[in-house]
Protein backbone atom coordinates (compact mmCIF):
# COMPACT_ATOMS: atom_id res chain seq x y z
CA MET A 1 70.11 112.52 98.56
CA ARG A 2 71.44 113.10 102.06
CA GLY A 3 69.30 110.27 103.38
CA VAL A 4 70.80 107.97 100.80
CA ASP A 5 74.30 109.08 101.78
CA ASN A 6 73.72 108.50 105.49
CA GLY A 7 72.30 105.06 104.88
CA ALA A 8 75.21 104.10 102.67
CA TRP A 9 77.60 105.46 105.29
CA ARG A 10 76.07 103.35 108.05
CA ASN A 11 76.25 100.26 105.87
CA LEU A 12 79.88 101.01 105.11
CA LYS A 13 80.62 101.37 108.82
CA GLY A 14 79.42 97.87 109.44
CA PHE A 15 80.83 96.13 106.40
CA GLY A 16 83.72 96.31 103.99
CA ASP A 17 86.60 98.78 103.88
CA TRP A 18 85.10 101.38 106.17
CA GLY A 19 85.70 99.46 109.35
CA ARG A 20 84.34 96.92 111.75
CA LEU A 21 82.05 98.21 114.51
CA GLY A 22 82.72 95.12 116.60
CA LEU A 23 85.89 96.82 117.78
CA MET A 24 83.78 99.47 119.50
CA GLU A 25 81.39 97.17 121.30
CA ASN A 26 83.72 95.75 123.93
CA SER A 27 83.83 98.36 126.70
CA LYS A 28 86.29 96.26 128.71
CA ASN A 29 89.02 97.24 126.26
CA SER A 30 88.43 101.00 126.52
CA LEU A 31 91.57 101.72 128.58
CA SER A 32 93.73 99.73 126.21
CA MET A 33 92.12 101.50 123.27
CA LYS A 34 92.93 104.93 124.71
CA PHE A 35 96.57 104.00 125.17
CA THR A 36 96.71 102.59 121.65
CA PHE A 37 95.05 105.73 120.31
CA THR A 38 97.69 107.94 121.99
CA VAL A 39 100.51 105.93 120.44
CA PHE A 40 98.68 106.04 117.09
CA LEU A 41 98.47 109.83 117.18
CA LEU A 42 102.19 110.13 117.82
CA LEU A 43 102.93 107.86 114.85
CA ILE A 44 100.46 109.71 112.63
CA CYS A 45 101.94 113.11 113.51
CA LEU A 46 105.44 111.87 112.69
CA SER A 47 104.34 110.23 109.42
CA VAL A 48 102.29 113.21 108.23
CA SER A 49 105.07 115.61 109.20
CA ILE A 50 107.53 113.72 107.00
CA PHE A 51 104.98 113.33 104.20
CA GLY A 52 104.00 117.00 104.47
CA GLN A 53 107.37 118.25 103.30
CA SER A 54 105.97 118.36 99.74
CA LYS A 55 105.32 121.85 98.35
CA LYS A 56 101.79 120.81 97.44
CA PRO A 57 98.91 121.07 99.94
CA GLN A 58 97.90 117.68 101.33
CA THR A 59 94.60 115.86 100.88
CA ILE A 60 92.90 112.62 101.76
CA ILE A 61 90.65 110.72 99.36
CA VAL A 62 87.60 109.22 101.04
CA PRO A 63 86.43 105.84 99.63
CA THR A 64 83.86 106.18 96.87
CA GLY A 65 80.18 105.99 97.77
CA SER A 66 78.00 104.20 95.24
CA LEU A 67 74.35 103.31 94.73
CA GLY A 68 72.93 101.11 91.98
CA GLU A 69 74.57 98.60 89.66
CA ILE A 70 78.18 99.74 89.35
CA SER A 71 80.93 97.17 89.02
CA GLU A 72 83.83 97.12 91.47
CA THR A 73 86.20 97.30 88.51
CA ARG A 74 84.65 100.54 87.25
CA ILE A 75 84.75 102.05 90.74
CA LYS A 76 88.45 101.18 91.10
CA ILE A 77 89.25 102.70 87.70
CA LEU A 78 87.43 105.93 88.59
CA GLU A 79 89.12 106.09 92.00
CA LYS A 80 92.53 105.78 90.35
CA THR A 81 91.55 108.46 87.83
CA LEU A 82 90.62 110.82 90.66
CA GLU A 83 93.85 110.09 92.52
CA SER A 84 95.93 110.70 89.39
CA LYS A 85 94.18 114.01 88.67
CA LEU A 86 94.43 115.26 92.26
CA ASP A 87 98.12 114.33 92.31
CA ASP A 88 98.66 117.17 89.82
CA PHE A 89 97.76 119.66 92.55
CA PHE A 90 97.90 117.91 95.94
CA ALA A 91 100.12 115.57 97.91
CA VAL A 92 97.74 112.64 98.38
CA VAL A 93 98.04 111.01 101.81
CA PRO A 94 98.81 107.26 101.55
CA LYS A 95 95.77 105.00 101.85
CA GLN A 96 97.25 103.14 104.82
CA LEU A 97 97.42 106.30 106.95
CA PHE A 98 93.84 107.13 106.04
CA GLU A 99 92.58 103.65 106.95
CA GLU A 100 94.35 103.73 110.32
CA ALA A 101 92.82 107.11 111.14
CA GLN A 102 89.43 105.88 109.94
CA GLU A 103 89.56 102.87 112.27
CA LYS A 104 90.40 105.08 115.23
CA ALA A 105 87.54 107.44 114.37
CA PHE A 106 85.10 104.53 114.55
CA GLN A 107 86.55 103.52 117.92
CA GLU A 108 86.39 107.00 119.42
CA LEU A 109 82.87 107.95 118.29
CA ASP A 110 79.62 106.27 119.23
CA TYR A 111 77.65 104.71 116.40
CA ASP A 112 75.10 107.55 116.30
CA GLU A 113 77.83 110.19 116.41
CA CYS A 114 79.85 108.80 113.52
CA THR A 115 77.95 110.37 110.65
CA GLU A 116 79.76 110.72 107.36
CA ASP A 117 80.66 114.38 107.85
CA GLN A 118 81.64 113.96 111.49
CA CYS A 119 83.96 111.03 110.83
CA ILE A 120 85.65 112.71 107.87
CA MET A 121 86.26 115.82 109.98
CA MET A 122 87.73 113.70 112.77
CA ILE A 123 90.03 111.90 110.32
CA GLN A 124 91.20 115.26 108.96
CA GLU A 125 91.96 116.44 112.50
CA MET A 126 93.88 113.26 113.32
CA LEU A 127 96.00 113.52 110.20
CA GLN A 128 96.22 117.33 110.41
CA ILE A 129 95.01 117.54 106.82
CA GLU A 130 92.81 120.39 105.62
CA ASN A 131 91.48 118.85 102.39
CA ALA A 132 89.31 115.81 101.71
CA PHE A 133 87.79 114.64 98.41
CA GLN A 134 85.07 112.05 97.91
CA LEU A 135 83.54 110.64 94.74
CA LYS A 136 79.90 109.49 94.73
CA LEU A 137 78.24 107.47 91.98
CA ILE A 138 74.55 106.72 91.43
CA ALA A 139 73.66 104.45 88.50
CA GLU A 140 70.31 103.49 87.02
CA GLU A 141 69.55 101.81 83.68
CA GLY A 142 72.92 102.72 82.18
CA ASP A 143 72.86 106.37 83.28
CA THR A 144 75.25 107.67 85.93
CA GLN A 145 75.17 110.67 88.21
CA ILE A 146 78.69 111.47 89.34
CA SER A 147 79.47 114.00 92.05
CA LEU A 148 82.72 115.14 93.63
CA THR A 149 82.81 116.71 97.09
CA TRP A 150 85.71 118.79 98.38
CA THR A 151 85.72 119.43 102.12
CA ASP A 152 88.22 121.60 103.96
CA LEU A 153 88.18 123.03 107.46
CA ASP A 154 86.04 125.99 106.39
CA GLN A 155 83.44 124.71 103.95
CA LYS A 156 82.19 121.99 101.63
CA ARG A 157 81.87 122.33 97.87
CA VAL A 158 80.18 119.93 95.45
CA GLU A 159 80.26 119.63 91.66
CA GLU A 160 78.23 117.03 89.79
CA ASP A 161 77.58 115.72 86.30
CA PHE A 162 74.90 113.49 84.79
CA CYS A 163 76.10 111.14 82.08
CA GLU A 164 73.48 109.40 79.95
CA GLY A 165 74.53 105.95 78.77
CA CYS A 166 78.18 106.69 79.53
CA LYS A 167 80.95 104.14 79.61
CA THR A 168 83.99 104.27 81.86
CA LYS A 169 85.96 106.49 79.49
CA GLN A 170 83.31 109.23 79.55
CA LEU A 171 83.06 109.00 83.34
CA ARG A 172 86.84 109.45 83.60
CA ASN A 173 86.54 112.62 81.52
CA SER A 174 83.77 113.80 83.86
CA ILE A 175 86.14 113.43 86.82
CA PHE A 176 88.77 115.57 85.06
CA THR A 177 86.14 118.25 84.48
CA LEU A 178 84.75 118.14 88.04
CA VAL A 179 88.21 118.52 89.59
CA ASP A 180 88.98 121.48 87.33
CA LYS A 181 85.69 123.13 88.29
CA LEU A 182 86.29 122.69 92.01
CA LEU A 183 89.84 124.02 91.85
CA SER A 184 88.84 127.04 89.78
CA VAL A 185 86.23 127.95 92.42
CA ASN A 186 88.91 127.62 95.07
CA GLU A 187 91.36 129.84 93.24
CA GLN A 188 88.78 132.61 92.82
CA ASN A 189 88.15 132.61 96.57
CA ASN A 190 91.88 132.48 97.39
CA ILE A 191 91.31 129.70 99.93
CA VAL A 192 94.55 127.85 99.17
CA THR A 193 97.15 128.18 96.44
CA ILE A 194 97.04 125.15 94.16
CA LYS A 195 99.42 126.29 91.44
CA ASP A 196 102.36 128.68 91.46
CA ASN A 197 100.96 131.05 88.83
CA GLU A 198 100.01 131.54 85.23
CA GLY A 199 102.62 132.75 82.81
CA VAL A 200 104.72 132.21 79.70
CA LEU A 201 107.50 129.69 79.08
CA TYR A 202 109.59 129.04 75.97
CA SER A 203 110.48 125.57 74.70
CA PHE A 204 113.84 124.26 73.50
CA ILE A 205 115.47 120.88 72.96
CA TYR A 206 118.49 119.91 75.05
CA LYS A 207 120.16 116.52 74.54
CA GLY A 208 117.03 115.22 72.87
CA LYS A 209 114.70 116.32 75.68
CA LEU A 210 112.04 119.02 75.71
CA MET A 211 113.01 121.78 78.15
CA TRP A 212 111.38 125.03 79.28
CA SER A 213 112.76 128.47 80.02
CA LYS A 214 111.35 131.81 81.14
CA LYS A 215 113.53 133.49 78.52
CA GLY A 216 112.91 133.20 74.79
CA ASP A 217 112.23 134.94 71.49
CA ASP A 218 108.59 135.40 70.47
CA GLU A 219 109.65 135.61 66.81
CA LYS A 220 111.62 132.33 66.82
CA ASP A 221 110.55 130.06 69.69
CA GLU A 222 107.40 128.11 70.45
CA LYS A 223 105.94 129.28 73.72
CA TYR A 224 103.60 127.95 76.37
CA VAL A 225 100.90 130.16 77.88
CA GLY A 226 99.00 128.87 80.90
CA GLU A 227 99.35 127.39 84.37
CA ILE A 228 102.86 126.74 85.68
CA PHE A 229 104.20 124.62 88.53
CA ASN A 230 107.90 124.25 89.36
CA ASP A 231 108.79 126.26 86.25
CA LYS A 232 107.05 123.78 83.93
CA PRO A 233 103.68 123.69 82.15
CA HIS A 234 101.30 122.06 84.63
CA GLY A 235 97.53 122.38 84.43
CA LYS A 236 95.62 124.09 81.62
CA GLY A 237 97.43 125.90 78.84
CA MET A 238 98.44 126.04 75.19
CA ILE A 239 101.53 125.87 72.99
CA ILE A 240 101.74 128.65 70.39
CA THR A 241 104.13 128.86 67.44
CA PRO A 242 105.89 132.13 66.45
CA ASP A 243 103.32 132.63 63.67
CA ASP A 244 100.44 132.29 66.19
CA LEU A 245 99.34 128.71 65.45
CA LYS A 246 97.86 127.12 68.56
CA ARG A 247 99.72 123.83 68.18
CA TYR A 248 98.30 122.21 71.35
CA VAL A 249 95.50 123.28 73.69
CA GLY A 250 94.64 121.29 76.81
CA ASN A 251 96.09 119.82 79.97
CA PHE A 252 99.74 119.46 80.93
CA LYS A 253 101.61 117.59 83.63
CA ASN A 254 105.25 118.07 84.56
CA GLY A 255 106.04 119.88 81.30
CA LEU A 256 104.27 117.52 78.87
CA PRO A 257 100.78 117.24 77.38
CA HIS A 258 98.92 114.96 79.77
CA GLY A 259 95.15 114.62 80.07
CA ILE A 260 92.53 115.94 77.67
CA GLY A 261 93.84 118.06 74.81
CA ILE A 262 93.95 118.70 71.08
CA ARG A 263 97.01 119.06 68.81
CA ILE A 264 96.73 120.89 65.50
CA GLU A 265 99.21 120.40 62.66
CA ARG A 266 100.04 122.98 60.00
CA ASN A 267 98.23 120.91 57.36
CA GLY A 268 95.04 121.13 59.41
CA GLU A 269 95.13 117.63 60.89
CA LYS A 270 93.90 117.40 64.49
CA TYR A 271 94.50 114.87 67.24
CA ASP A 272 91.74 115.20 69.82
CA GLY A 273 91.55 113.10 72.99
CA GLU A 274 93.63 111.88 75.91
CA TRP A 275 97.40 112.36 76.14
CA LYS A 276 99.89 110.58 78.40
CA LYS A 277 103.35 112.02 79.06
CA GLY A 278 103.36 113.82 75.73
CA VAL A 279 102.00 110.91 73.68
CA PHE A 280 98.59 110.86 71.99
CA TRP A 281 97.07 107.93 73.86
CA GLU A 282 93.36 107.67 73.17
CA GLY A 283 91.11 109.64 70.84
CA THR A 284 90.39 110.53 67.23
CA ALA A 285 92.51 111.99 64.42
CA PHE A 286 90.82 114.27 61.85
CA ASP A 287 91.97 115.76 58.56
CA SER A 288 91.58 119.44 57.67
CA SER A 289 87.96 118.83 56.62
CA ASP A 290 87.14 117.02 59.90
CA ASN A 291 87.00 113.61 58.24
CA ILE A 292 88.12 110.83 60.58
CA LEU A 293 91.62 109.57 59.81
CA GLY A 294 91.76 107.01 62.58
CA LYS A 295 91.21 106.25 66.23
CA LYS A 296 93.63 105.40 68.99
CA VAL A 297 92.75 103.17 71.94
CA ASN A 298 95.15 102.45 74.82
CA GLY A 299 98.07 103.80 72.82
CA ASN A 300 97.37 101.78 69.67
CA TRP A 301 95.81 102.80 66.39
CA GLU A 302 92.72 100.77 65.47
């Protein structure tokens, strides 16, 4: 696998988004390049300093590595899925800053020195960013192996999944799962703090909007139990009614169901699938006997 990665990396260095090695081959421009690099570092430090004012830890997302027949459209969709999921927990460094640092890394390192790991580490040092994530896809005859690598200044961690005959939707769900696995490992080791804490919040409606409070009445109010960020449900958790019905179990973002989850009504109906900003977006509705009531795709019932 590592041999495949290195080969793909070298191809990427010569072609496409990863850079153009021709910029390194003209030794006559080395003095000019060093001056440009110094100015670049000053600009990067200023930009990252401003960007780093977010409470979240920062991360870069390395372009996806792929092998086999995978369409560019599918790759772009999965990259956006990863970015959206990581944005729940990290401040993602803008792509332009990453690409500028990447170009400078190719200029500073010789061809043989610029292995995948070495260049990513150099980019992290330039941007003063501890975290880097990279998605890798290998496809053959409709099956896809998907792996997610998280590299910080101390170690590298990898989670992977094999999806037989999966379409883009299933691969997106795999990315959600892989990110959750990586972050749970990180929390156990206390490497960085991703979320504020886990706790209990109580819901109420104010001027037609759903609000959350740390104070409430267990006998009267619906409550949220799970991961919290900025005093709102954010991450994994559940909403529980006063009579102990688990009304919703799944992922939240900024106080609303967002991601994979299931809502259960008092009559036994269930809505299982993907949620967006509190709205059931894509999935299947079941009655109390698990008979299919309908399916929703891209926000519309079929």
